[in-house]
Structure formats: C-alpha cells, structure tokens
Amino acid sequence: MTLKIERATDNGRTFIRLVGRVDAEHLEELKFQVSAEAATTAIDLEEVSLVDVEAVRFLVSAEKQGLEILNPSAYIREWMNRVRGNKS
C-alpha cells in the first residue's frame, strides 16, 4: 500500500492527514509537505495502517518541533514513546 497525503484547513490550522503506510521512502515528500505549509500544526495518523522505524523517528522529531501528532494507533504511540526513551 502506498501513502496518500491530504491537506485540510480548519479555523486557521492546517492538518496533514496521512492514509496508508508510512515508510522511509515517503519521508522526503512528507518533510517537504510539512515545511511547505508554515501554518501546519498537526499530522493526523487516524488512517495510517503501518509505519517503519524511520517514520517513527520522523514523527518523534516532528512532535519535538511543535507539530501535533493526532490519532496515532496505540502501537504507533507506544513505539514513539520507546524511541524517545519513555516507557509510558
């Protein structure tokens, strides 16, 4: 499955909605999409089915830079916590 990237704006906030599987091969385009939108405040993962370790590292980094990560599945959130070194 490939990755689909959609944009939506609501009350001045821009959301980047990801659908499908996020792999290392998609990160360059995803980084471009995030950086191209100065008002981007959130990445919505509600319809993400799978991620690889590089995608998780990207999400952790994006969150550290102030982007909100919305609707990650339990396994993605747990993996992000582990990458950060948190166990909770």
PDB file of N, CA and C in Angstrom:
ATOM      1  N   MET A   1       0.849  -1.187   0.000  1.00  0.00           N
ATOM      2  CA  MET A   1       0.000   0.000   0.000  1.00  0.00           C
ATOM      3  C   MET A   1       0.886   1.239   0.000  1.00  0.00           C
ATOM      4  N   THR A   2       0.449   2.241  -0.688  1.00  0.00           N
ATOM      5  CA  THR A   2       1.193   3.482  -0.765  1.00  0.00           C
ATOM      6  C   THR A   2       0.666   4.478   0.254  1.00  0.00           C
ATOM      7  N   LEU A   3       1.330   5.601   0.307  1.00  0.00           N
ATOM      8  CA  LEU A   3       0.931   6.656   1.219  1.00  0.00           C
ATOM      9  C   LEU A   3       0.183   7.738   0.453  1.00  0.00           C
ATOM     10  N   LYS A   4      -0.925   8.147   1.005  1.00  0.00           N
ATOM     11  CA  LYS A   4      -1.694   9.262   0.467  1.00  0.00           C
ATOM     12  C   LYS A   4      -1.584  10.402   1.474  1.00  0.00           C
ATOM     13  N   ILE A   5      -1.264  11.608   0.991  1.00  0.00           N
ATOM     14  CA  ILE A   5      -1.131  12.787   1.840  1.00  0.00           C
ATOM     15  C   ILE A   5      -2.218  13.770   1.457  1.00  0.00           C
ATOM     16  N   GLU A   6      -3.047  14.135   2.431  1.00  0.00           N
ATOM     17  CA  GLU A   6      -4.134  15.086   2.193  1.00  0.00           C
ATOM     18  C   GLU A   6      -3.958  16.280   3.125  1.00  0.00           C
ATOM     19  N   ARG A   7      -4.372  17.445   2.662  1.00  0.00           N
ATOM     20  CA  ARG A   7      -4.331  18.663   3.473  1.00  0.00           C
ATOM     21  C   ARG A   7      -5.746  19.137   3.755  1.00  0.00           C
ATOM     22  N   ALA A   8      -5.931  19.662   4.946  1.00  0.00           N
ATOM     23  CA  ALA A   8      -7.208  20.272   5.303  1.00  0.00           C
ATOM     24  C   ALA A   8      -6.912  21.458   6.210  1.00  0.00           C
ATOM     25  N   THR A   9      -7.753  22.470   6.124  1.00  0.00           N
ATOM     26  CA  THR A   9      -7.610  23.639   6.976  1.00  0.00           C
ATOM     27  C   THR A   9      -8.907  23.830   7.738  1.00  0.00           C
ATOM     28  N   ASP A  10      -8.775  24.125   9.024  1.00  0.00           N
ATOM     29  CA  ASP A  10      -9.930  24.347   9.874  1.00  0.00           C
ATOM     30  C   ASP A  10      -9.583  25.435  10.880  1.00  0.00           C
ATOM     31  N   ASN A  11     -10.314  26.531  10.837  1.00  0.00           N
ATOM     32  CA  ASN A  11     -10.094  27.650  11.759  1.00  0.00           C
ATOM     33  C   ASN A  11      -8.643  28.102  11.786  1.00  0.00           C
ATOM     34  N   GLY A  12      -8.024  28.187  10.629  1.00  0.00           N
ATOM     35  CA  GLY A  12      -6.662  28.678  10.531  1.00  0.00           C
ATOM     36  C   GLY A  12      -5.574  27.652  10.796  1.00  0.00           C
ATOM     37  N   ARG A  13      -5.957  26.442  11.173  1.00  0.00           N
ATOM     38  CA  ARG A  13      -4.976  25.374  11.381  1.00  0.00           C
ATOM     39  C   ARG A  13      -4.943  24.477  10.161  1.00  0.00           C
ATOM     40  N   THR A  14      -3.753  24.075   9.792  1.00  0.00           N
ATOM     41  CA  THR A  14      -3.604  23.146   8.683  1.00  0.00           C
ATOM     42  C   THR A  14      -3.285  21.768   9.230  1.00  0.00           C
ATOM     43  N   PHE A  15      -3.982  20.794   8.688  1.00  0.00           N
ATOM     44  CA  PHE A  15      -3.786  19.407   9.077  1.00  0.00           C
ATOM     45  C   PHE A  15      -3.261  18.644   7.873  1.00  0.00           C
ATOM     46  N   ILE A  16      -2.258  17.845   8.093  1.00  0.00           N
ATOM     47  CA  ILE A  16      -1.787  16.923   7.072  1.00  0.00           C
ATOM     48  C   ILE A  16      -2.256  15.546   7.503  1.00  0.00           C
ATOM     49  N   ARG A  17      -3.139  14.980   6.702  1.00  0.00           N
ATOM     50  CA  ARG A  17      -3.740  13.681   7.005  1.00  0.00           C
ATOM     51  C   ARG A  17      -3.042  12.629   6.170  1.00  0.00           C
ATOM     52  N   LEU A  18      -2.552  11.596   6.834  1.00  0.00           N
ATOM     53  CA  LEU A  18      -1.860  10.514   6.150  1.00  0.00           C
ATOM     54  C   LEU A  18      -2.758   9.291   6.096  1.00  0.00           C
ATOM     55  N   VAL A  19      -2.753   8.628   4.952  1.00  0.00           N
ATOM     56  CA  VAL A  19      -3.575   7.441   4.752  1.00  0.00           C
ATOM     57  C   VAL A  19      -2.686   6.347   4.161  1.00  0.00           C
ATOM     58  N   GLY A  20      -2.673   5.202   4.808  1.00  0.00           N
ATOM     59  CA  GLY A  20      -1.912   4.072   4.285  1.00  0.00           C
ATOM     60  C   GLY A  20      -0.720   3.726   5.137  1.00  0.00           C
ATOM     61  N   ARG A  21       0.371   3.456   4.478  1.00  0.00           N
ATOM     62  CA  ARG A  21       1.607   3.008   5.130  1.00  0.00           C
ATOM     63  C   ARG A  21       2.675   4.075   4.974  1.00  0.00           C
ATOM     64  N   VAL A  22       3.348   4.421   6.076  1.00  0.00           N
ATOM     65  CA  VAL A  22       4.413   5.430   6.045  1.00  0.00           C
ATOM     66  C   VAL A  22       5.749   4.713   6.196  1.00  0.00           C
ATOM     67  N   ASP A  23       6.548   4.766   5.133  1.00  0.00           N
ATOM     68  CA  ASP A  23       7.866   4.143   5.110  1.00  0.00           C
ATOM     69  C   ASP A  23       8.933   5.211   4.877  1.00  0.00           C
ATOM     70  N   ALA A  24      10.177   4.819   5.059  1.00  0.00           N
ATOM     71  CA  ALA A  24      11.302   5.729   4.852  1.00  0.00           C
ATOM     72  C   ALA A  24      11.257   6.376   3.468  1.00  0.00           C
ATOM     73  N   GLU A  25      10.804   5.643   2.474  1.00  0.00           N
ATOM     74  CA  GLU A  25      10.754   6.179   1.107  1.00  0.00           C
ATOM     75  C   GLU A  25       9.791   7.360   0.964  1.00  0.00           C
ATOM     76  N   HIS A  26       8.848   7.511   1.896  1.00  0.00           N
ATOM     77  CA  HIS A  26       7.877   8.605   1.840  1.00  0.00           C
ATOM     78  C   HIS A  26       8.318   9.849   2.614  1.00  0.00           C
ATOM     79  N   LEU A  27       9.362   9.726   3.398  1.00  0.00           N
ATOM     80  CA  LEU A  27       9.702  10.798   4.330  1.00  0.00           C
ATOM     81  C   LEU A  27      10.154  12.081   3.657  1.00  0.00           C
ATOM     82  N   GLU A  28      10.863  11.978   2.562  1.00  0.00           N
ATOM     83  CA  GLU A  28      11.294  13.194   1.879  1.00  0.00           C
ATOM     84  C   GLU A  28      10.089  14.022   1.442  1.00  0.00           C
ATOM     85  N   GLU A  29       9.106  13.387   0.844  1.00  0.00           N
ATOM     86  CA  GLU A  29       7.889  14.095   0.422  1.00  0.00           C
ATOM     87  C   GLU A  29       7.115  14.616   1.634  1.00  0.00           C
ATOM     88  N   LEU A  30       7.025  13.823   2.677  1.00  0.00           N
ATOM     89  CA  LEU A  30       6.313  14.261   3.868  1.00  0.00           C
ATOM     90  C   LEU A  30       7.000  15.468   4.514  1.00  0.00           C
ATOM     91  N   LYS A  31       8.321  15.439   4.593  1.00  0.00           N
ATOM     92  CA  LYS A  31       9.073  16.582   5.130  1.00  0.00           C
ATOM     93  C   LYS A  31       8.823  17.822   4.283  1.00  0.00           C
ATOM     94  N   PHE A  32       8.797  17.651   2.976  1.00  0.00           N
ATOM     95  CA  PHE A  32       8.520  18.775   2.076  1.00  0.00           C
ATOM     96  C   PHE A  32       7.124  19.335   2.331  1.00  0.00           C
ATOM     97  N   GLN A  33       6.139  18.463   2.445  1.00  0.00           N
ATOM     98  CA  GLN A  33       4.763  18.901   2.671  1.00  0.00           C
ATOM     99  C   GLN A  33       4.632  19.663   3.995  1.00  0.00           C
ATOM    100  N   VAL A  34       5.307  19.179   5.027  1.00  0.00           N
ATOM    101  CA  VAL A  34       5.262  19.841   6.332  1.00  0.00           C
ATOM    102  C   VAL A  34       5.950  21.194   6.258  1.00  0.00           C
ATOM    103  N   SER A  35       7.119  21.247   5.639  1.00  0.00           N
ATOM    104  CA  SER A  35       7.868  22.509   5.587  1.00  0.00           C
ATOM    105  C   SER A  35       7.229  23.516   4.639  1.00  0.00           C
ATOM    106  N   ALA A  36       6.484  23.053   3.651  1.00  0.00           N
ATOM    107  CA  ALA A  36       5.861  23.958   2.683  1.00  0.00           C
ATOM    108  C   ALA A  36       4.686  24.718   3.280  1.00  0.00           C
ATOM    109  N   GLU A  37       4.176  24.252   4.386  1.00  0.00           N
ATOM    110  CA  GLU A  37       2.998  24.861   4.998  1.00  0.00           C
ATOM    111  C   GLU A  37       3.381  25.461   6.337  1.00  0.00           C
ATOM    112  N   ALA A  38       3.596  26.772   6.346  1.00  0.00           N
ATOM    113  CA  ALA A  38       4.027  27.453   7.570  1.00  0.00           C
ATOM    114  C   ALA A  38       3.005  27.298   8.691  1.00  0.00           C
ATOM    115  N   ALA A  39       1.733  27.172   8.339  1.00  0.00           N
ATOM    116  CA  ALA A  39       0.681  27.103   9.352  1.00  0.00           C
ATOM    117  C   ALA A  39       0.374  25.672   9.798  1.00  0.00           C
ATOM    118  N   THR A  40       1.133  24.703   9.300  1.00  0.00           N
ATOM    119  CA  THR A  40       0.874  23.322   9.673  1.00  0.00           C
ATOM    120  C   THR A  40       1.019  23.156  11.175  1.00  0.00           C
ATOM    121  N   THR A  41       0.033  22.619  11.787  1.00  0.00           N
ATOM    122  CA  THR A  41       0.102  22.409  13.222  1.00  0.00           C
ATOM    123  C   THR A  41      -0.147  20.955  13.607  1.00  0.00           C
ATOM    124  N   ALA A  42      -0.589  20.134  12.666  1.00  0.00           N
ATOM    125  CA  ALA A  42      -0.916  18.763  13.056  1.00  0.00           C
ATOM    126  C   ALA A  42      -0.732  17.786  11.896  1.00  0.00           C
ATOM    127  N   ILE A  43      -0.313  16.581  12.282  1.00  0.00           N
ATOM    128  CA  ILE A  43      -0.263  15.460  11.356  1.00  0.00           C
ATOM    129  C   ILE A  43      -1.245  14.427  11.900  1.00  0.00           C
ATOM    130  N   ASP A  44      -2.235  14.089  11.097  1.00  0.00           N
ATOM    131  CA  ASP A  44      -3.291  13.158  11.510  1.00  0.00           C
ATOM    132  C   ASP A  44      -2.958  11.758  11.006  1.00  0.00           C
ATOM    133  N   LEU A  45      -2.830  10.816  11.941  1.00  0.00           N
ATOM    134  CA  LEU A  45      -2.463   9.440  11.611  1.00  0.00           C
ATOM    135  C   LEU A  45      -3.633   8.464  11.702  1.00  0.00           C
ATOM    136  N   GLU A  46      -4.844   8.980  11.787  1.00  0.00           N
ATOM    137  CA  GLU A  46      -6.005   8.111  12.021  1.00  0.00           C
ATOM    138  C   GLU A  46      -6.097   6.951  11.029  1.00  0.00           C
ATOM    139  N   GLU A  47      -5.724   7.186   9.775  1.00  0.00           N
ATOM    140  CA  GLU A  47      -5.856   6.141   8.766  1.00  0.00           C
ATOM    141  C   GLU A  47      -4.519   5.552   8.329  1.00  0.00           C
ATOM    142  N   VAL A  48      -3.522   5.660   9.197  1.00  0.00           N
ATOM    143  CA  VAL A  48      -2.230   5.037   8.918  1.00  0.00           C
ATOM    144  C   VAL A  48      -2.278   3.601   9.409  1.00  0.00           C
ATOM    145  N   SER A  49      -1.935   2.685   8.521  1.00  0.00           N
ATOM    146  CA  SER A  49      -2.010   1.263   8.871  1.00  0.00           C
ATOM    147  C   SER A  49      -0.686   0.730   9.408  1.00  0.00           C
ATOM    148  N   LEU A  50       0.427   1.161   8.837  1.00  0.00           N
ATOM    149  CA  LEU A  50       1.745   0.685   9.241  1.00  0.00           C
ATOM    150  C   LEU A  50       2.765   1.804   9.133  1.00  0.00           C
ATOM    151  N   VAL A  51       3.800   1.723   9.955  1.00  0.00           N
ATOM    152  CA  VAL A  51       4.939   2.644   9.878  1.00  0.00           C
ATOM    153  C   VAL A  51       6.208   1.824  10.043  1.00  0.00           C
ATOM    154  N   ASP A  52       7.323   2.357   9.550  1.00  0.00           N
ATOM    155  CA  ASP A  52       8.603   1.725   9.829  1.00  0.00           C
ATOM    156  C   ASP A  52       9.365   2.588  10.826  1.00  0.00           C
ATOM    157  N   VAL A  53      10.527   2.124  11.244  1.00  0.00           N
ATOM    158  CA  VAL A  53      11.276   2.828  12.288  1.00  0.00           C
ATOM    159  C   VAL A  53      11.662   4.242  11.869  1.00  0.00           C
ATOM    160  N   GLU A  54      11.990   4.455  10.621  1.00  0.00           N
ATOM    161  CA  GLU A  54      12.352   5.801  10.170  1.00  0.00           C
ATOM    162  C   GLU A  54      11.156   6.742  10.241  1.00  0.00           C
ATOM    163  N   ALA A  55       9.983   6.242   9.936  1.00  0.00           N
ATOM    164  CA  ALA A  55       8.770   7.057  10.050  1.00  0.00           C
ATOM    165  C   ALA A  55       8.504   7.420  11.500  1.00  0.00           C
ATOM    166  N   VAL A  56       8.706   6.478  12.399  1.00  0.00           N
ATOM    167  CA  VAL A  56       8.507   6.760  13.826  1.00  0.00           C
ATOM    168  C   VAL A  56       9.497   7.815  14.288  1.00  0.00           C
ATOM    169  N   ARG A  57      10.736   7.705  13.875  1.00  0.00           N
ATOM    170  CA  ARG A  57      11.741   8.725  14.232  1.00  0.00           C
ATOM    171  C   ARG A  57      11.339  10.089  13.704  1.00  0.00           C
ATOM    172  N   PHE A  58      10.806  10.132  12.487  1.00  0.00           N
ATOM    173  CA  PHE A  58      10.332  11.399  11.931  1.00  0.00           C
ATOM    174  C   PHE A  58       9.202  11.970  12.777  1.00  0.00           C
ATOM    175  N   LEU A  59       8.253  11.136  13.157  1.00  0.00           N
ATOM    176  CA  LEU A  59       7.117  11.605  13.953  1.00  0.00           C
ATOM    177  C   LEU A  59       7.572  12.140  15.301  1.00  0.00           C
ATOM    178  N   VAL A  60       8.514  11.462  15.936  1.00  0.00           N
ATOM    179  CA  VAL A  60       9.049  11.935  17.218  1.00  0.00           C
ATOM    180  C   VAL A  60       9.722  13.285  17.029  1.00  0.00           C
ATOM    181  N   SER A  61      10.513  13.416  15.978  1.00  0.00           N
ATOM    182  CA  SER A  61      11.192  14.677  15.695  1.00  0.00           C
ATOM    183  C   SER A  61      10.197  15.797  15.404  1.00  0.00           C
ATOM    184  N   ALA A  62       9.175  15.485  14.616  1.00  0.00           N
ATOM    185  CA  ALA A  62       8.151  16.488  14.286  1.00  0.00           C
ATOM    186  C   ALA A  62       7.433  16.954  15.544  1.00  0.00           C
ATOM    187  N   GLU A  63       7.130  16.026  16.428  1.00  0.00           N
ATOM    188  CA  GLU A  63       6.455  16.368  17.676  1.00  0.00           C
ATOM    189  C   GLU A  63       7.348  17.254  18.542  1.00  0.00           C
ATOM    190  N   LYS A  64       8.629  16.944  18.587  1.00  0.00           N
ATOM    191  CA  LYS A  64       9.588  17.760  19.348  1.00  0.00           C
ATOM    192  C   LYS A  64       9.658  19.186  18.790  1.00  0.00           C
ATOM    193  N   GLN A  65       9.423  19.330  17.485  1.00  0.00           N
ATOM    194  CA  GLN A  65       9.476  20.635  16.836  1.00  0.00           C
ATOM    195  C   GLN A  65       8.152  21.383  16.939  1.00  0.00           C
ATOM    196  N   GLY A  66       7.203  20.818  17.647  1.00  0.00           N
ATOM    197  CA  GLY A  66       5.958  21.520  17.899  1.00  0.00           C
ATOM    198  C   GLY A  66       4.758  21.099  17.082  1.00  0.00           C
ATOM    199  N   LEU A  67       4.928  20.157  16.171  1.00  0.00           N
ATOM    200  CA  LEU A  67       3.780  19.659  15.420  1.00  0.00           C
ATOM    201  C   LEU A  67       2.989  18.699  16.297  1.00  0.00           C
ATOM    202  N   GLU A  68       1.697  18.808  16.220  1.00  0.00           N
ATOM    203  CA  GLU A  68       0.840  17.907  16.979  1.00  0.00           C
ATOM    204  C   GLU A  68       0.622  16.633  16.161  1.00  0.00           C
ATOM    205  N   ILE A  69       0.778  15.489  16.811  1.00  0.00           N
ATOM    206  CA  ILE A  69       0.525  14.209  16.170  1.00  0.00           C
ATOM    207  C   ILE A  69      -0.839  13.735  16.663  1.00  0.00           C
ATOM    208  N   LEU A  70      -1.797  13.673  15.745  1.00  0.00           N
ATOM    209  CA  LEU A  70      -3.173  13.325  16.093  1.00  0.00           C
ATOM    210  C   LEU A  70      -3.492  11.881  15.730  1.00  0.00           C
ATOM    211  N   ASN A  71      -4.274  11.234  16.572  1.00  0.00           N
ATOM    212  CA  ASN A  71      -4.881   9.932  16.308  1.00  0.00           C
ATOM    213  C   ASN A  71      -3.902   8.807  15.940  1.00  0.00           C
ATOM    214  N   PRO A  72      -2.740   8.756  16.589  1.00  0.00           N
ATOM    215  CA  PRO A  72      -1.891   7.600  16.290  1.00  0.00           C
ATOM    216  C   PRO A  72      -2.501   6.352  16.909  1.00  0.00           C
ATOM    217  N   SER A  73      -2.319   5.224  16.263  1.00  0.00           N
ATOM    218  CA  SER A  73      -2.791   3.977  16.873  1.00  0.00           C
ATOM    219  C   SER A  73      -1.958   3.720  18.129  1.00  0.00           C
ATOM    220  N   ALA A  74      -2.442   2.841  18.961  1.00  0.00           N
ATOM    221  CA  ALA A  74      -1.753   2.538  20.216  1.00  0.00           C
ATOM    222  C   ALA A  74      -0.334   2.040  19.951  1.00  0.00           C
ATOM    223  N   TYR A  75      -0.161   1.211  18.930  1.00  0.00           N
ATOM    224  CA  TYR A  75       1.178   0.687  18.672  1.00  0.00           C
ATOM    225  C   TYR A  75       2.122   1.775  18.179  1.00  0.00           C
ATOM    226  N   ILE A  76       1.636   2.729  17.397  1.00  0.00           N
ATOM    227  CA  ILE A  76       2.493   3.821  16.935  1.00  0.00           C
ATOM    228  C   ILE A  76       2.886   4.714  18.111  1.00  0.00           C
ATOM    229  N   ARG A  77       1.930   5.068  18.967  1.00  0.00           N
ATOM    230  CA  ARG A  77       2.236   5.906  20.131  1.00  0.00           C
ATOM    231  C   ARG A  77       3.237   5.196  21.050  1.00  0.00           C
ATOM    232  N   GLU A  78       3.032   3.904  21.269  1.00  0.00           N
ATOM    233  CA  GLU A  78       3.954   3.142  22.113  1.00  0.00           C
ATOM    234  C   GLU A  78       5.355   3.133  21.505  1.00  0.00           C
ATOM    235  N   TRP A  79       5.443   2.939  20.212  1.00  0.00           N
ATOM    236  CA  TRP A  79       6.735   2.910  19.529  1.00  0.00           C
ATOM    237  C   TRP A  79       7.399   4.287  19.619  1.00  0.00           C
ATOM    238  N   MET A  80       6.624   5.350  19.445  1.00  0.00           N
ATOM    239  CA  MET A  80       7.167   6.704  19.581  1.00  0.00           C
ATOM    240  C   MET A  80       7.722   6.909  20.995  1.00  0.00           C
ATOM    241  N   ASN A  81       6.988   6.455  22.001  1.00  0.00           N
ATOM    242  CA  ASN A  81       7.454   6.577  23.384  1.00  0.00           C
ATOM    243  C   ASN A  81       8.756   5.818  23.597  1.00  0.00           C
ATOM    244  N   ARG A  82       8.851   4.652  23.029  1.00  0.00           N
ATOM    245  CA  ARG A  82      10.076   3.858  23.165  1.00  0.00           C
ATOM    246  C   ARG A  82      11.251   4.527  22.475  1.00  0.00           C
ATOM    247  N   VAL A  83      11.025   5.098  21.295  1.00  0.00           N
ATOM    248  CA  VAL A  83      12.086   5.805  20.583  1.00  0.00           C
ATOM    249  C   VAL A  83      12.583   7.001  21.408  1.00  0.00           C
ATOM    250  N   ARG A  84      11.659   7.669  22.070  1.00  0.00           N
ATOM    251  CA  ARG A  84      12.025   8.801  22.936  1.00  0.00           C
ATOM    252  C   ARG A  84      12.706   8.333  24.208  1.00  0.00           C
ATOM    253  N   GLY A  85      12.609   7.047  24.508  1.00  0.00           N
ATOM    254  CA  GLY A  85      13.200   6.525  25.725  1.00  0.00           C
ATOM    255  C   GLY A  85      12.239   6.471  26.888  1.00  0.00           C
ATOM    256  N   ASN A  86      10.959   6.755  26.619  1.00  0.00           N
ATOM    257  CA  ASN A  86       9.928   6.676  27.657  1.00  0.00           C
ATOM    258  C   ASN A  86       9.307   5.297  27.614  1.00  0.00           C
ATOM    259  N   LYS A  87       8.920   4.806  28.740  1.00  0.00           N
ATOM    260  CA  LYS A  87       8.251   3.513  28.790  1.00  0.00           C
ATOM    261  C   LYS A  87       6.754   3.656  28.995  1.00  0.00           C
ATOM    262  N   SER A  88       6.257   4.892  29.239  1.00  0.00           N
ATOM    263  CA  SER A  88       4.832   5.074  29.487  1.00  0.00           C
ATOM    264  C   SER A  88       4.102   5.533  28.264  1.00  0.00           C
TER     265      SER A  88
END
